[in-house]
Amino acid sequence: MSADELEAALDALRTARATVDDEAADRLETPVDRVETALEAGRTLDHGALARITRTLDELVEDADGEAAAALSDATAAVSAYREGVPGA
């Protein structure tokens, strides 16, 4: 659970937001903001926050295809990689 992993998750979320339609991009605003805020404050995210982000990504990937689906899957993988290091699983 490093700041680098959280930064990678943020980059993946931003990429996903840029590739999806407007409605999906709106749904990604909260997760992106939450990760940005944590990074700026030097904090981590707990399992609950990460689960909500993952759930949003999972819901969005169901309706996505092509580049958007790939970007959403990459974001899910990045969030999951970060979450593996979060204590209290």
C-alpha atoms as a PDB file:
ATOM      1  CA  MET A   1       0.000   0.000   0.000  1.00  0.00           C
ATOM      2  CA  SER A   2       2.110   2.839  -1.253  1.00  0.00           C
ATOM      3  CA  ALA A   3       1.471   6.317  -2.489  1.00  0.00           C
ATOM      4  CA  ASP A   4       2.814   5.151  -5.854  1.00  0.00           C
ATOM      5  CA  GLU A   5       0.130   2.461  -6.051  1.00  0.00           C
ATOM      6  CA  LEU A   6      -2.546   4.969  -5.110  1.00  0.00           C
ATOM      7  CA  GLU A   7      -1.186   7.372  -7.743  1.00  0.00           C
ATOM      8  CA  ALA A   8      -1.334   4.555 -10.312  1.00  0.00           C
ATOM      9  CA  ALA A   9      -4.946   3.904  -9.323  1.00  0.00           C
ATOM     10  CA  LEU A  10      -5.722   7.605  -9.727  1.00  0.00           C
ATOM     11  CA  ASP A  11      -4.101   7.677 -13.172  1.00  0.00           C
ATOM     12  CA  ALA A  12      -6.136   4.635 -14.213  1.00  0.00           C
ATOM     13  CA  LEU A  13      -9.347   6.209 -12.892  1.00  0.00           C
ATOM     14  CA  ARG A  14      -8.626   9.421 -14.803  1.00  0.00           C
ATOM     15  CA  THR A  15      -7.950   7.463 -17.991  1.00  0.00           C
ATOM     16  CA  ALA A  16     -11.186   5.547 -17.543  1.00  0.00           C
ATOM     17  CA  ARG A  17     -13.096   8.779 -16.947  1.00  0.00           C
ATOM     18  CA  ALA A  18     -11.682  10.206 -20.181  1.00  0.00           C
ATOM     19  CA  THR A  19     -12.775   7.199 -22.255  1.00  0.00           C
ATOM     20  CA  VAL A  20     -16.339   6.637 -21.052  1.00  0.00           C
ATOM     21  CA  ASP A  21     -19.536   8.455 -21.970  1.00  0.00           C
ATOM     22  CA  ASP A  22     -20.696  11.547 -20.079  1.00  0.00           C
ATOM     23  CA  GLU A  23     -22.999   9.678 -17.685  1.00  0.00           C
ATOM     24  CA  ALA A  24     -20.278   7.227 -16.699  1.00  0.00           C
ATOM     25  CA  ALA A  25     -17.737  10.047 -16.402  1.00  0.00           C
ATOM     26  CA  ASP A  26     -20.069  11.789 -13.970  1.00  0.00           C
ATOM     27  CA  ARG A  27     -20.221   8.614 -11.862  1.00  0.00           C
ATOM     28  CA  LEU A  28     -16.422   8.496 -11.783  1.00  0.00           C
ATOM     29  CA  GLU A  29     -16.089  12.037 -10.428  1.00  0.00           C
ATOM     30  CA  THR A  30     -16.595  10.966  -6.800  1.00  0.00           C
ATOM     31  CA  PRO A  31     -14.029   8.140  -6.888  1.00  0.00           C
ATOM     32  CA  VAL A  32     -11.474  10.365  -8.630  1.00  0.00           C
ATOM     33  CA  ASP A  33     -12.069  13.164  -6.116  1.00  0.00           C
ATOM     34  CA  ARG A  34     -11.800  10.749  -3.180  1.00  0.00           C
ATOM     35  CA  VAL A  35      -8.439   9.388  -4.373  1.00  0.00           C
ATOM     36  CA  GLU A  36      -7.101  12.869  -5.210  1.00  0.00           C
ATOM     37  CA  THR A  37      -8.061  14.131  -1.758  1.00  0.00           C
ATOM     38  CA  ALA A  38      -6.384  11.181  -0.041  1.00  0.00           C
ATOM     39  CA  LEU A  39      -3.175  11.677  -2.015  1.00  0.00           C
ATOM     40  CA  GLU A  40      -3.082  15.418  -1.365  1.00  0.00           C
ATOM     41  CA  ALA A  41      -3.559  14.839   2.370  1.00  0.00           C
ATOM     42  CA  GLY A  42      -1.047  11.998   2.512  1.00  0.00           C
ATOM     43  CA  ARG A  43      -3.760   9.608   3.687  1.00  0.00           C
ATOM     44  CA  THR A  44      -4.774   6.120   2.681  1.00  0.00           C
ATOM     45  CA  LEU A  45      -8.193   4.837   1.726  1.00  0.00           C
ATOM     46  CA  ASP A  46      -9.902   2.162   3.785  1.00  0.00           C
ATOM     47  CA  HIS A  47     -11.443  -1.029   2.477  1.00  0.00           C
ATOM     48  CA  GLY A  48     -14.945   0.456   2.486  1.00  0.00           C
ATOM     49  CA  ALA A  49     -13.979   3.373   0.251  1.00  0.00           C
ATOM     50  CA  LEU A  50     -12.046   1.081  -2.064  1.00  0.00           C
ATOM     51  CA  ALA A  51     -14.964  -1.358  -2.245  1.00  0.00           C
ATOM     52  CA  ARG A  52     -17.308   1.476  -3.268  1.00  0.00           C
ATOM     53  CA  ILE A  53     -14.880   2.552  -5.990  1.00  0.00           C
ATOM     54  CA  THR A  54     -14.557  -1.019  -7.240  1.00  0.00           C
ATOM     55  CA  ARG A  55     -18.333  -1.486  -7.217  1.00  0.00           C
ATOM     56  CA  THR A  56     -18.779   1.653  -9.323  1.00  0.00           C
ATOM     57  CA  LEU A  57     -16.169   0.431 -11.802  1.00  0.00           C
ATOM     58  CA  ASP A  58     -17.781  -3.022 -11.973  1.00  0.00           C
ATOM     59  CA  GLU A  59     -21.186  -1.481 -12.691  1.00  0.00           C
ATOM     60  CA  LEU A  60     -19.785   0.777 -15.403  1.00  0.00           C
ATOM     61  CA  VAL A  61     -17.814  -1.950 -17.169  1.00  0.00           C
ATOM     62  CA  GLU A  62     -21.040  -3.933 -17.660  1.00  0.00           C
ATOM     63  CA  ASP A  63     -22.306  -1.255 -20.063  1.00  0.00           C
ATOM     64  CA  ALA A  64     -18.973  -0.406 -21.673  1.00  0.00           C
ATOM     65  CA  ASP A  65     -17.147  -1.850 -24.630  1.00  0.00           C
ATOM     66  CA  GLY A  66     -13.868  -1.462 -26.443  1.00  0.00           C
ATOM     67  CA  GLU A  67     -11.469   1.124 -25.114  1.00  0.00           C
ATOM     68  CA  ALA A  68     -13.806   2.197 -22.308  1.00  0.00           C
ATOM     69  CA  ALA A  69     -14.191  -1.365 -21.010  1.00  0.00           C
ATOM     70  CA  ALA A  70     -10.424  -1.870 -21.117  1.00  0.00           C
ATOM     71  CA  ALA A  71      -9.781   1.388 -19.255  1.00  0.00           C
ATOM     72  CA  LEU A  72     -12.369   0.513 -16.607  1.00  0.00           C
ATOM     73  CA  SER A  73     -10.828  -2.942 -16.182  1.00  0.00           C
ATOM     74  CA  ASP A  74      -7.377  -1.382 -15.841  1.00  0.00           C
ATOM     75  CA  ALA A  75      -8.723   0.987 -13.181  1.00  0.00           C
ATOM     76  CA  THR A  76     -10.282  -1.926 -11.306  1.00  0.00           C
ATOM     77  CA  ALA A  77      -6.959  -3.786 -11.393  1.00  0.00           C
ATOM     78  CA  ALA A  78      -5.065  -0.726 -10.131  1.00  0.00           C
ATOM     79  CA  VAL A  79      -7.500  -0.162  -7.252  1.00  0.00           C
ATOM     80  CA  SER A  80      -7.334  -3.866  -6.372  1.00  0.00           C
ATOM     81  CA  ALA A  81      -3.517  -3.811  -6.405  1.00  0.00           C
ATOM     82  CA  TYR A  82      -3.537  -0.898  -3.978  1.00  0.00           C
ATOM     83  CA  ARG A  83      -6.196  -2.531  -1.810  1.00  0.00           C
ATOM     84  CA  GLU A  84      -4.096  -5.683  -1.342  1.00  0.00           C
ATOM     85  CA  GLY A  85      -1.720  -3.686   0.847  1.00  0.00           C
ATOM     86  CA  VAL A  86      -4.382  -2.028   2.979  1.00  0.00           C
ATOM     87  CA  PRO A  87      -4.421  -3.508   6.484  1.00  0.00           C
ATOM     88  CA  GLY A  88      -7.589  -4.869   8.019  1.00  0.00           C
ATOM     89  CA  ALA A  89      -8.897  -7.032   5.201  1.00  0.00           C
END
